[in-house]
């Protein structure tokens, strides 16, 4: 009975190179006030404390995610729909069939959504 069911296979995450793995741990001492400040900044940026500190240590500016700009929920929905299509097509591509035409269609969809997003953002400034 098991053999008759179609099984959904998730795509495996690509293997990281040795120099890409976050295998090192750094211990850091801070005052309670400093840690609270960092936690507040990380939360405002929508990231973890580790990610926030790592980015700051590497010289990146970590913008606050509490931006005053709002994105149209319909655009978010459309981007999600395109993403679902991309995932389904990527899985189907691993069967060895030619899906170039469909990738081109998805590329056009992505371009259209991005143009709408850019237009929306330009209208807010």
Protein backbone atom coordinates (compact mmCIF):
# COMPACT_ATOMS: atom_id res chain seq x y z
CA UNK A 1 0.00 0.00 0.00
CA UNK A 2 2.88 2.34 0.71
CA UNK A 3 4.28 2.05 -2.78
CA UNK A 4 1.06 3.38 -4.33
CA UNK A 5 1.17 6.69 -2.51
CA UNK A 6 3.03 9.57 -4.06
CA UNK A 7 5.56 10.83 -1.60
CA UNK A 8 6.46 14.48 -1.41
CA UNK A 9 10.19 14.92 -1.32
CA UNK A 10 11.68 18.02 0.20
CA UNK A 11 14.73 19.44 -1.45
CA UNK A 12 17.78 18.98 0.73
CA UNK A 13 19.61 22.04 1.93
CA UNK A 14 22.89 22.46 0.02
CA UNK A 15 25.97 21.34 1.93
CA UNK A 16 28.06 24.21 3.28
CA UNK A 17 31.78 24.40 2.71
CA UNK A 18 33.94 24.13 5.82
CA UNK A 19 34.64 27.88 5.78
CA UNK A 20 30.89 28.63 5.56
CA UNK A 21 29.86 26.69 8.67
CA UNK A 22 29.28 28.65 11.85
CA UNK A 23 31.18 26.26 14.07
CA UNK A 24 33.01 28.71 16.30
CA UNK A 25 31.56 30.05 19.53
CA UNK A 26 32.53 33.37 21.07
CA UNK A 27 31.74 34.14 24.68
CA UNK A 28 31.17 37.78 25.47
CA UNK A 29 30.68 39.48 28.81
CA UNK A 30 28.35 42.48 29.04
CA UNK A 31 26.55 44.40 31.68
CA UNK A 32 22.82 43.79 32.06
CA UNK A 33 22.14 47.22 30.61
CA UNK A 34 24.34 46.55 27.58
CA UNK A 35 22.67 43.20 26.93
CA UNK A 36 19.21 44.75 27.25
CA UNK A 37 20.23 47.45 24.77
CA UNK A 38 21.53 44.84 22.29
CA UNK A 39 18.38 42.74 22.70
CA UNK A 40 16.24 45.81 22.00
CA UNK A 41 18.23 46.62 18.87
CA UNK A 42 18.12 43.01 17.65
CA UNK A 43 14.37 42.85 18.22
CA UNK A 44 13.87 46.14 16.36
CA UNK A 45 15.89 44.70 13.47
CA UNK A 46 13.80 41.51 13.52
CA UNK A 47 16.80 39.29 14.13
CA UNK A 48 18.40 37.21 16.86
CA UNK A 49 20.98 38.67 19.24
CA UNK A 50 23.66 36.39 17.72
CA UNK A 51 22.84 37.43 14.17
CA UNK A 52 22.67 41.10 15.15
CA UNK A 53 26.05 41.03 16.93
CA UNK A 54 27.67 39.00 14.13
CA UNK A 55 26.51 41.50 11.48
CA UNK A 56 27.58 44.50 13.57
CA UNK A 57 30.98 42.94 14.27
CA UNK A 58 31.47 42.44 10.53
CA UNK A 59 30.73 46.13 9.94
CA UNK A 60 27.21 45.83 8.55
CA UNK A 61 24.53 48.38 9.31
CA UNK A 62 21.51 46.51 10.65
CA UNK A 63 18.42 48.55 9.83
CA UNK A 64 15.37 48.49 12.03
CA UNK A 65 12.58 46.35 10.63
CA UNK A 66 10.10 48.82 12.10
CA UNK A 67 10.14 50.80 8.89
CA UNK A 68 7.37 53.29 8.32
CA UNK A 69 6.83 51.89 4.82
CA UNK A 70 4.05 49.36 4.46
CA UNK A 71 3.88 46.82 1.67
CA UNK A 72 0.55 46.01 0.07
CA UNK A 73 -0.63 42.63 1.43
CA UNK A 74 -1.75 41.67 -2.09
CA UNK A 75 1.85 42.05 -3.27
CA UNK A 76 3.09 39.85 -0.44
CA UNK A 77 0.49 37.25 -1.36
CA UNK A 78 1.53 37.41 -5.00
CA UNK A 79 5.22 37.05 -4.13
CA UNK A 80 4.36 34.02 -1.97
CA UNK A 81 2.38 32.49 -4.84
CA UNK A 82 5.33 32.96 -7.21
CA UNK A 83 7.60 31.39 -4.57
CA UNK A 84 5.34 28.34 -4.34
CA UNK A 85 5.48 28.01 -8.13
CA UNK A 86 9.28 28.27 -8.05
CA UNK A 87 9.49 25.52 -5.43
CA UNK A 88 7.17 23.21 -7.36
CA UNK A 89 9.06 23.83 -10.58
CA UNK A 90 12.42 23.25 -8.88
CA UNK A 91 11.20 19.90 -7.57
CA UNK A 92 9.83 18.93 -11.00
CA UNK A 93 13.09 19.97 -12.68
CA UNK A 94 14.92 17.29 -10.69
CA UNK A 95 12.96 14.68 -12.65
CA UNK A 96 15.13 15.53 -15.65
CA UNK A 97 12.44 17.09 -17.81
CA UNK A 98 12.86 20.41 -19.62
CA UNK A 99 11.03 23.27 -17.94
CA UNK A 100 12.83 26.26 -19.52
CA UNK A 101 9.58 27.79 -20.77
CA UNK A 102 8.08 27.70 -17.28
CA UNK A 103 11.17 29.24 -15.69
CA UNK A 104 10.91 32.07 -18.22
CA UNK A 105 7.24 32.59 -17.31
CA UNK A 106 8.07 32.72 -13.61
CA UNK A 107 10.87 35.17 -14.39
CA UNK A 108 8.37 37.47 -16.08
CA UNK A 109 5.98 37.15 -13.11
CA UNK A 110 8.76 38.08 -10.70
CA UNK A 111 9.68 41.10 -12.83
CA UNK A 112 6.04 42.28 -12.82
CA UNK A 113 5.71 41.93 -9.05
CA UNK A 114 9.00 43.75 -8.49
CA UNK A 115 7.92 46.58 -10.79
CA UNK A 116 4.69 46.96 -8.80
CA UNK A 117 6.63 46.91 -5.55
CA UNK A 118 9.07 49.56 -6.80
CA UNK A 119 6.18 51.70 -8.04
CA UNK A 120 4.47 51.39 -4.66
CA UNK A 121 7.63 52.31 -2.76
CA UNK A 122 8.31 55.28 -5.08
CA UNK A 123 4.78 56.54 -4.46
CA UNK A 124 5.46 56.67 -0.69
CA UNK A 125 8.52 58.89 -0.90
